[in-house]
Amino acid sequence: PSGDGLFLLLDAKTGVPAVLLEEHGYLTDFRTAAAVALTLKYLAPGNAHEALLVGAGALARLTARAMMAQLPLARLTLWNRTPERAGQLARELAQVVETRIAPALESAVRDSRVIVTATASTTPLIMASWVAPGTHVTSVGTGSPEKIELEPALLARADKLVADRVFQTARYGNLRHAIAAGAVTRKQVYAELGDLAAGRRPGRERPDEITVADLTGVGVQDAAIAQAVVDALEL
C-alpha cells in the first residue's frame, strides 16, 4: 500500500481500548474501494459493460474488484503512467474480466462512459473536454491538499457533482483546486454520497448527464470496516 496505518477501537461505554487492528493501509484501501462501488451504484450508467480505471497501485487493485462487483463489466481498460504496472494488474485481473491497456489516456477517456481514478497525482489527469455526455467519473486519489486528478473545469461541467463530505473535499479533494481556480463554489455540489444512499437526493436521472464523484474518505467508513472485521473475527 501507499500508506501505513492501524485502527484502535475503543469500548463505546467505557472508552477503554478494546481492539488494535494493524492493517498497514489495507482496510483503508478496502473501504475506499467500497465507496467507489457506492458511487457507481447511484451515478454510473446502469448498462455499463466497459469501464476505464486510471492507476495500478494497491488502491487500484481493490477498486477494480469493486467496479466488477457493482457493474456488469465485460471489459476493463487500464491506464497508468508506468505501463509495466498497468500490465501487471491487467494480468492479475484477466482471470475474471477481459482487460486491455490504453496506450493513451485522452483517447481512453473519450471512449469511456465510466471512469475511476485511483492515483497519487499532483497534476490533473482527466480534462473536461475529453469527457463525453453520459459519462460518470469517480476520483479517489486526492486525500491530501496537493493531490488532484480532475481538471477544475470538469467539476464545473458536471451536471451532478457529488462529494463524500463537502467540508472535507473543499479542503483536500479536487473540489479544493476547483474552488481555488474559481471554477466552482461549494454551493455547486449537488449532494453528498450519504444523501444518495439515504434516498434524500436522486442519483443519475438522465442518460446524457455528466456525473462526478469526489471522494477523500470519511471516518464513518473507517468505523464501518473496522466493525465488520471485528464482527467477522468474533472479537
C-alpha atoms as a PDB file:
ATOM      1  CA  PRO A   1       0.000   0.000   0.000  1.00  0.00           C
ATOM      2  CA  SER A   2       0.993   3.641  -0.490  1.00  0.00           C
ATOM      3  CA  GLY A   3       0.468   4.381   3.203  1.00  0.00           C
ATOM      4  CA  ASP A   4       0.511   2.725   6.584  1.00  0.00           C
ATOM      5  CA  GLY A   5      -1.868   2.700   9.493  1.00  0.00           C
ATOM      6  CA  LEU A   6      -3.676   0.962  12.275  1.00  0.00           C
ATOM      7  CA  PHE A   7      -7.119   1.043  13.856  1.00  0.00           C
ATOM      8  CA  LEU A   8      -7.599   1.441  17.602  1.00  0.00           C
ATOM      9  CA  LEU A   9     -11.160   0.553  18.625  1.00  0.00           C
ATOM     10  CA  LEU A  10     -12.442   1.815  21.964  1.00  0.00           C
ATOM     11  CA  ASP A  11     -15.280   0.397  24.012  1.00  0.00           C
ATOM     12  CA  ALA A  12     -18.257   2.692  23.384  1.00  0.00           C
ATOM     13  CA  LYS A  13     -19.357   2.569  27.024  1.00  0.00           C
ATOM     14  CA  THR A  14     -16.075   2.781  28.909  1.00  0.00           C
ATOM     15  CA  GLY A  15     -13.666   4.347  26.418  1.00  0.00           C
ATOM     16  CA  VAL A  16     -11.168   1.601  27.188  1.00  0.00           C
ATOM     17  CA  PRO A  17      -9.089   0.366  24.195  1.00  0.00           C
ATOM     18  CA  ALA A  18     -10.653  -2.891  23.018  1.00  0.00           C
ATOM     19  CA  VAL A  19      -9.053  -3.938  19.723  1.00  0.00           C
ATOM     20  CA  LEU A  20      -5.951  -2.893  17.792  1.00  0.00           C
ATOM     21  CA  LEU A  21      -6.011  -3.681  14.063  1.00  0.00           C
ATOM     22  CA  GLU A  22      -2.579  -3.317  12.451  1.00  0.00           C
ATOM     23  CA  GLU A  23      -3.837  -3.013   8.885  1.00  0.00           C
ATOM     24  CA  HIS A  24      -0.956  -1.253   7.077  1.00  0.00           C
ATOM     25  CA  GLY A  25      -3.372   0.699   4.884  1.00  0.00           C
ATOM     26  CA  TYR A  26      -5.250  -2.345   3.564  1.00  0.00           C
ATOM     27  CA  LEU A  27      -8.540  -1.678   5.339  1.00  0.00           C
ATOM     28  CA  THR A  28      -8.355   1.974   4.339  1.00  0.00           C
ATOM     29  CA  ASP A  29      -7.982   0.982   0.693  1.00  0.00           C
ATOM     30  CA  PHE A  30     -10.739  -1.621   1.073  1.00  0.00           C
ATOM     31  CA  ARG A  31     -13.284   0.832   2.444  1.00  0.00           C
ATOM     32  CA  THR A  32     -12.266   3.372  -0.203  1.00  0.00           C
ATOM     33  CA  ALA A  33     -12.971   0.826  -2.926  1.00  0.00           C
ATOM     34  CA  ALA A  34     -16.340   0.110  -1.315  1.00  0.00           C
ATOM     35  CA  ALA A  35     -17.175   3.811  -1.551  1.00  0.00           C
ATOM     36  CA  VAL A  36     -16.321   3.696  -5.253  1.00  0.00           C
ATOM     37  CA  ALA A  37     -18.866   0.907  -5.703  1.00  0.00           C
ATOM     38  CA  LEU A  38     -21.451   3.076  -3.974  1.00  0.00           C
ATOM     39  CA  THR A  39     -20.855   5.972  -6.363  1.00  0.00           C
ATOM     40  CA  LEU A  40     -21.233   3.606  -9.310  1.00  0.00           C
ATOM     41  CA  LYS A  41     -24.484   2.256  -7.911  1.00  0.00           C
ATOM     42  CA  TYR A  42     -26.116   5.679  -7.892  1.00  0.00           C
ATOM     43  CA  LEU A  43     -24.311   7.625 -10.613  1.00  0.00           C
ATOM     44  CA  ALA A  44     -22.919   5.319 -13.303  1.00  0.00           C
ATOM     45  CA  PRO A  45     -24.921   4.326 -16.389  1.00  0.00           C
ATOM     46  CA  GLY A  46     -26.772   1.179 -15.402  1.00  0.00           C
ATOM     47  CA  ASN A  47     -25.930  -0.699 -18.592  1.00  0.00           C
ATOM     48  CA  ALA A  48     -22.187  -0.037 -18.477  1.00  0.00           C
ATOM     49  CA  HIS A  49     -20.310  -3.082 -19.775  1.00  0.00           C
ATOM     50  CA  GLU A  50     -16.955  -1.342 -20.123  1.00  0.00           C
ATOM     51  CA  ALA A  51     -15.029   0.988 -17.824  1.00  0.00           C
ATOM     52  CA  LEU A  52     -11.689   2.760 -17.513  1.00  0.00           C
ATOM     53  CA  LEU A  53      -9.520   2.527 -14.400  1.00  0.00           C
ATOM     54  CA  VAL A  54      -6.688   5.047 -14.069  1.00  0.00           C
ATOM     55  CA  GLY A  55      -3.983   3.832 -11.695  1.00  0.00           C
ATOM     56  CA  ALA A  56      -2.366   0.489 -10.918  1.00  0.00           C
ATOM     57  CA  GLY A  57      -1.353   0.611  -7.263  1.00  0.00           C
ATOM     58  CA  ALA A  58      -2.738  -1.135  -4.197  1.00  0.00           C
ATOM     59  CA  LEU A  59      -5.882   1.004  -4.129  1.00  0.00           C
ATOM     60  CA  ALA A  60      -6.483   0.481  -7.838  1.00  0.00           C
ATOM     61  CA  ARG A  61      -6.350  -3.298  -7.378  1.00  0.00           C
ATOM     62  CA  LEU A  62      -9.162  -3.234  -4.839  1.00  0.00           C
ATOM     63  CA  THR A  63     -11.026  -0.584  -6.808  1.00  0.00           C
ATOM     64  CA  ALA A  64     -11.050  -2.839  -9.864  1.00  0.00           C
ATOM     65  CA  ARG A  65     -12.713  -5.573  -7.816  1.00  0.00           C
ATOM     66  CA  ALA A  66     -15.294  -3.101  -6.543  1.00  0.00           C
ATOM     67  CA  MET A  67     -16.054  -1.956 -10.077  1.00  0.00           C
ATOM     68  CA  MET A  68     -16.581  -5.529 -11.237  1.00  0.00           C
ATOM     69  CA  ALA A  69     -18.796  -6.273  -8.251  1.00  0.00           C
ATOM     70  CA  GLN A  70     -21.063  -3.297  -8.913  1.00  0.00           C
ATOM     71  CA  LEU A  71     -21.233  -3.187 -12.713  1.00  0.00           C
ATOM     72  CA  PRO A  72     -21.841  -5.913 -15.328  1.00  0.00           C
ATOM     73  CA  LEU A  73     -18.410  -5.305 -16.839  1.00  0.00           C
ATOM     74  CA  ALA A  74     -17.319  -7.320 -19.843  1.00  0.00           C
ATOM     75  CA  ARG A  75     -14.091  -5.355 -20.271  1.00  0.00           C
ATOM     76  CA  LEU A  76     -11.921  -3.159 -18.085  1.00  0.00           C
ATOM     77  CA  THR A  77      -9.434  -0.764 -19.651  1.00  0.00           C
ATOM     78  CA  LEU A  78      -6.388   0.227 -17.606  1.00  0.00           C
ATOM     79  CA  TRP A  79      -4.073   3.208 -17.872  1.00  0.00           C
ATOM     80  CA  ASN A  80      -1.094   4.050 -15.705  1.00  0.00           C
ATOM     81  CA  ARG A  81       1.849   6.402 -16.092  1.00  0.00           C
ATOM     82  CA  THR A  82       4.055   3.336 -15.765  1.00  0.00           C
ATOM     83  CA  PRO A  83       2.724   0.918 -18.413  1.00  0.00           C
ATOM     84  CA  GLU A  84       4.528  -2.038 -16.837  1.00  0.00           C
ATOM     85  CA  ARG A  85       2.474  -1.693 -13.654  1.00  0.00           C
ATOM     86  CA  ALA A  86      -0.731  -1.484 -15.675  1.00  0.00           C
ATOM     87  CA  GLY A  87       0.313  -4.642 -17.482  1.00  0.00           C
ATOM     88  CA  GLN A  88       0.910  -6.470 -14.227  1.00  0.00           C
ATOM     89  CA  LEU A  89      -2.531  -5.510 -12.930  1.00  0.00           C
ATOM     90  CA  ALA A  90      -4.121  -6.478 -16.245  1.00  0.00           C
ATOM     91  CA  ARG A  91      -2.611  -9.944 -15.998  1.00  0.00           C
ATOM     92  CA  GLU A  92      -3.966 -10.350 -12.470  1.00  0.00           C
ATOM     93  CA  LEU A  93      -7.465  -9.273 -13.478  1.00  0.00           C
ATOM     94  CA  ALA A  94      -7.545 -11.196 -16.757  1.00  0.00           C
ATOM     95  CA  GLN A  95      -8.689 -14.282 -14.864  1.00  0.00           C
ATOM     96  CA  VAL A  96     -12.019 -12.613 -14.064  1.00  0.00           C
ATOM     97  CA  VAL A  97     -12.584  -9.955 -16.747  1.00  0.00           C
ATOM     98  CA  GLU A  98     -11.272  -9.060 -20.184  1.00  0.00           C
ATOM     99  CA  THR A  99      -8.631  -6.364 -19.804  1.00  0.00           C
ATOM    100  CA  ARG A 100      -6.754  -4.051 -22.130  1.00  0.00           C
ATOM    101  CA  ILE A 101      -4.038  -1.442 -21.650  1.00  0.00           C
ATOM    102  CA  ALA A 102      -4.833   2.004 -23.017  1.00  0.00           C
ATOM    103  CA  PRO A 103      -1.874   3.422 -24.960  1.00  0.00           C
ATOM    104  CA  ALA A 104      -3.110   7.000 -24.486  1.00  0.00           C
ATOM    105  CA  LEU A 105      -5.209   8.412 -21.671  1.00  0.00           C
ATOM    106  CA  GLU A 106      -7.092  11.001 -23.721  1.00  0.00           C
ATOM    107  CA  SER A 107      -8.480   8.529 -26.236  1.00  0.00           C
ATOM    108  CA  ALA A 108      -9.360   6.091 -23.453  1.00  0.00           C
ATOM    109  CA  VAL A 109     -11.323   8.778 -21.610  1.00  0.00           C
ATOM    110  CA  ARG A 110     -13.129   9.854 -24.774  1.00  0.00           C
ATOM    111  CA  ASP A 111     -14.199   6.248 -25.407  1.00  0.00           C
ATOM    112  CA  SER A 112     -15.320   5.504 -21.818  1.00  0.00           C
ATOM    113  CA  ARG A 113     -18.597   6.206 -20.036  1.00  0.00           C
ATOM    114  CA  VAL A 114     -17.414   5.007 -16.623  1.00  0.00           C
ATOM    115  CA  ILE A 115     -14.062   6.300 -15.380  1.00  0.00           C
ATOM    116  CA  VAL A 116     -12.432   5.793 -11.985  1.00  0.00           C
ATOM    117  CA  THR A 117      -9.140   7.412 -10.997  1.00  0.00           C
ATOM    118  CA  ALA A 118      -7.098   5.958  -8.138  1.00  0.00           C
ATOM    119  CA  THR A 119      -3.685   7.601  -8.283  1.00  0.00           C
ATOM    120  CA  ALA A 120      -1.411   9.867  -6.264  1.00  0.00           C
ATOM    121  CA  SER A 121      -1.272  12.506  -8.991  1.00  0.00           C
ATOM    122  CA  THR A 122      -0.432  16.128  -8.207  1.00  0.00           C
ATOM    123  CA  THR A 123      -1.418  17.328 -11.687  1.00  0.00           C
ATOM    124  CA  PRO A 124      -4.814  16.932 -13.391  1.00  0.00           C
ATOM    125  CA  LEU A 125      -5.202  13.711 -15.371  1.00  0.00           C
ATOM    126  CA  ILE A 126      -8.751  13.935 -16.747  1.00  0.00           C
ATOM    127  CA  MET A 127      -9.557  17.006 -18.833  1.00  0.00           C
ATOM    128  CA  ALA A 128     -13.085  18.370 -19.111  1.00  0.00           C
ATOM    129  CA  SER A 129     -13.010  18.463 -22.909  1.00  0.00           C
ATOM    130  CA  TRP A 130     -12.285  14.731 -23.060  1.00  0.00           C
ATOM    131  CA  VAL A 131     -15.436  13.691 -21.187  1.00  0.00           C
ATOM    132  CA  ALA A 132     -18.499  12.916 -23.301  1.00  0.00           C
ATOM    133  CA  PRO A 133     -22.125  13.442 -22.234  1.00  0.00           C
ATOM    134  CA  GLY A 134     -23.455  10.450 -20.339  1.00  0.00           C
ATOM    135  CA  THR A 135     -20.155   9.771 -18.566  1.00  0.00           C
ATOM    136  CA  HIS A 136     -19.584   9.157 -14.874  1.00  0.00           C
ATOM    137  CA  VAL A 137     -16.217   9.895 -13.209  1.00  0.00           C
ATOM    138  CA  THR A 138     -15.181   8.910  -9.670  1.00  0.00           C
ATOM    139  CA  SER A 139     -11.921  10.234  -8.210  1.00  0.00           C
ATOM    140  CA  VAL A 140     -10.484   8.620  -5.068  1.00  0.00           C
ATOM    141  CA  GLY A 141      -6.837   9.657  -5.154  1.00  0.00           C
ATOM    142  CA  THR A 142      -6.973  13.148  -3.628  1.00  0.00           C
ATOM    143  CA  GLY A 143      -6.753  12.545   0.094  1.00  0.00           C
ATOM    144  CA  SER A 144      -4.224  15.329   0.714  1.00  0.00           C
ATOM    145  CA  PRO A 145      -4.200  19.009  -0.344  1.00  0.00           C
ATOM    146  CA  GLU A 146      -1.526  18.756  -3.037  1.00  0.00           C
ATOM    147  CA  LYS A 147      -3.224  15.920  -4.940  1.00  0.00           C
ATOM    148  CA  ILE A 148      -5.519  16.444  -7.916  1.00  0.00           C
ATOM    149  CA  GLU A 149      -6.847  14.067 -10.584  1.00  0.00           C
ATOM    150  CA  LEU A 150      -9.586  16.051 -12.339  1.00  0.00           C
ATOM    151  CA  GLU A 151      -9.252  19.336 -14.188  1.00  0.00           C
ATOM    152  CA  PRO A 152     -11.258  22.022 -12.315  1.00  0.00           C
ATOM    153  CA  ALA A 153     -13.281  22.677 -15.472  1.00  0.00           C
ATOM    154  CA  LEU A 154     -14.614  19.116 -15.305  1.00  0.00           C
ATOM    155  CA  LEU A 155     -16.204  19.767 -11.922  1.00  0.00           C
ATOM    156  CA  ALA A 156     -17.774  22.912 -13.362  1.00  0.00           C
ATOM    157  CA  ARG A 157     -19.078  20.970 -16.357  1.00  0.00           C
ATOM    158  CA  ALA A 158     -20.674  18.201 -14.298  1.00  0.00           C
ATOM    159  CA  ASP A 159     -24.462  18.085 -14.208  1.00  0.00           C
ATOM    160  CA  LYS A 160     -24.156  16.492 -10.770  1.00  0.00           C
ATOM    161  CA  LEU A 161     -21.105  16.917  -8.553  1.00  0.00           C
ATOM    162  CA  VAL A 162     -21.139  14.622  -5.520  1.00  0.00           C
ATOM    163  CA  ALA A 163     -18.718  14.634  -2.571  1.00  0.00           C
ATOM    164  CA  ASP A 164     -18.372  12.173   0.263  1.00  0.00           C
ATOM    165  CA  ARG A 165     -18.147  15.201   2.609  1.00  0.00           C
ATOM    166  CA  VAL A 166     -18.265  18.704   1.147  1.00  0.00           C
ATOM    167  CA  PHE A 167     -16.345  20.237   4.051  1.00  0.00           C
ATOM    168  CA  GLN A 168     -13.508  17.780   3.561  1.00  0.00           C
ATOM    169  CA  THR A 169     -13.300  17.738  -0.231  1.00  0.00           C
ATOM    170  CA  ALA A 170     -13.217  21.542  -0.162  1.00  0.00           C
ATOM    171  CA  ARG A 171     -10.013  21.222   1.858  1.00  0.00           C
ATOM    172  CA  TYR A 172      -8.374  18.134   0.344  1.00  0.00           C
ATOM    173  CA  GLY A 173     -10.043  16.974  -2.848  1.00  0.00           C
ATOM    174  CA  ASN A 174     -10.415  18.017  -6.447  1.00  0.00           C
ATOM    175  CA  LEU A 175     -13.047  20.414  -5.152  1.00  0.00           C
ATOM    176  CA  ARG A 176     -10.341  22.328  -3.276  1.00  0.00           C
ATOM    177  CA  HIS A 177      -8.461  23.011  -6.507  1.00  0.00           C
ATOM    178  CA  ALA A 178     -11.631  23.819  -8.445  1.00  0.00           C
ATOM    179  CA  ILE A 179     -12.665  26.386  -5.833  1.00  0.00           C
ATOM    180  CA  ALA A 180      -9.177  27.909  -5.819  1.00  0.00           C
ATOM    181  CA  ALA A 181      -9.311  28.185  -9.610  1.00  0.00           C
ATOM    182  CA  GLY A 182     -12.691  29.910  -9.460  1.00  0.00           C
ATOM    183  CA  ALA A 183     -14.312  27.106 -11.450  1.00  0.00           C
ATOM    184  CA  VAL A 184     -16.949  26.177  -8.846  1.00  0.00           C
ATOM    185  CA  THR A 185     -18.189  27.036  -5.377  1.00  0.00           C
ATOM    186  CA  ARG A 186     -19.166  24.726  -2.546  1.00  0.00           C
ATOM    187  CA  LYS A 187     -22.814  25.533  -3.292  1.00  0.00           C
ATOM    188  CA  GLN A 188     -22.492  23.832  -6.672  1.00  0.00           C
ATOM    189  CA  VAL A 189     -22.026  20.436  -5.032  1.00  0.00           C
ATOM    190  CA  TYR A 190     -25.246  18.582  -5.801  1.00  0.00           C
ATOM    191  CA  ALA A 191     -25.180  16.196  -2.848  1.00  0.00           C
ATOM    192  CA  GLU A 192     -23.034  14.187  -0.504  1.00  0.00           C
ATOM    193  CA  LEU A 193     -22.733  10.464  -1.112  1.00  0.00           C
ATOM    194  CA  GLY A 194     -24.742   9.742   2.018  1.00  0.00           C
ATOM    195  CA  ASP A 195     -27.643  11.768   0.588  1.00  0.00           C
ATOM    196  CA  LEU A 196     -27.814   9.398  -2.377  1.00  0.00           C
ATOM    197  CA  ALA A 197     -27.540   6.283  -0.227  1.00  0.00           C
ATOM    198  CA  ALA A 198     -30.262   7.531   2.125  1.00  0.00           C
ATOM    199  CA  GLY A 199     -32.587   8.441  -0.740  1.00  0.00           C
ATOM    200  CA  ARG A 200     -32.594  12.156   0.073  1.00  0.00           C
ATOM    201  CA  ARG A 201     -31.371  13.051  -3.418  1.00  0.00           C
ATOM    202  CA  PRO A 202     -31.688  11.052  -6.638  1.00  0.00           C
ATOM    203  CA  GLY A 203     -28.595   9.841  -8.446  1.00  0.00           C
ATOM    204  CA  ARG A 204     -28.386   9.634 -12.231  1.00  0.00           C
ATOM    205  CA  GLU A 205     -31.679  10.717 -13.787  1.00  0.00           C
ATOM    206  CA  ARG A 206     -30.839  11.187 -17.474  1.00  0.00           C
ATOM    207  CA  PRO A 207     -28.650   9.145 -19.821  1.00  0.00           C
ATOM    208  CA  ASP A 208     -26.805  12.272 -21.020  1.00  0.00           C
ATOM    209  CA  GLU A 209     -25.800  13.529 -17.570  1.00  0.00           C
ATOM    210  CA  ILE A 210     -22.142  14.028 -16.724  1.00  0.00           C
ATOM    211  CA  THR A 211     -21.716  12.995 -13.099  1.00  0.00           C
ATOM    212  CA  VAL A 212     -18.601  13.388 -10.955  1.00  0.00           C
ATOM    213  CA  ALA A 213     -17.891  11.937  -7.505  1.00  0.00           C
ATOM    214  CA  ASP A 214     -15.030  13.428  -5.485  1.00  0.00           C
ATOM    215  CA  LEU A 215     -14.034  11.135  -2.615  1.00  0.00           C
ATOM    216  CA  THR A 216     -11.440  11.842   0.079  1.00  0.00           C
ATOM    217  CA  GLY A 217     -12.574   9.269   2.657  1.00  0.00           C
ATOM    218  CA  VAL A 218     -14.597   9.846   5.818  1.00  0.00           C
ATOM    219  CA  GLY A 219     -14.322   8.496   9.331  1.00  0.00           C
ATOM    220  CA  VAL A 220     -17.602   6.609   9.299  1.00  0.00           C
ATOM    221  CA  GLN A 221     -16.136   4.359   6.594  1.00  0.00           C
ATOM    222  CA  ASP A 222     -13.225   3.510   8.880  1.00  0.00           C
ATOM    223  CA  ALA A 223     -15.612   2.734  11.721  1.00  0.00           C
ATOM    224  CA  ALA A 224     -17.745   0.540   9.472  1.00  0.00           C
ATOM    225  CA  ILE A 225     -14.875  -1.513   8.042  1.00  0.00           C
ATOM    226  CA  ALA A 226     -13.281  -1.924  11.468  1.00  0.00           C
ATOM    227  CA  GLN A 227     -16.559  -3.136  12.961  1.00  0.00           C
ATOM    228  CA  ALA A 228     -17.032  -5.542  10.064  1.00  0.00           C
ATOM    229  CA  VAL A 229     -13.614  -7.061  10.767  1.00  0.00           C
ATOM    230  CA  VAL A 230     -14.314  -7.324  14.491  1.00  0.00           C
ATOM    231  CA  ASP A 231     -17.658  -8.999  13.797  1.00  0.00           C
ATOM    232  CA  ALA A 232     -16.095 -11.432  11.323  1.00  0.00           C
ATOM    233  CA  LEU A 233     -13.411 -12.389  13.822  1.00  0.00           C
ATOM    234  CA  GLU A 234     -15.995 -12.597  16.619  1.00  0.00           C
ATOM    235  CA  LEU A 235     -13.820 -10.462  18.879  1.00  0.00           C
END
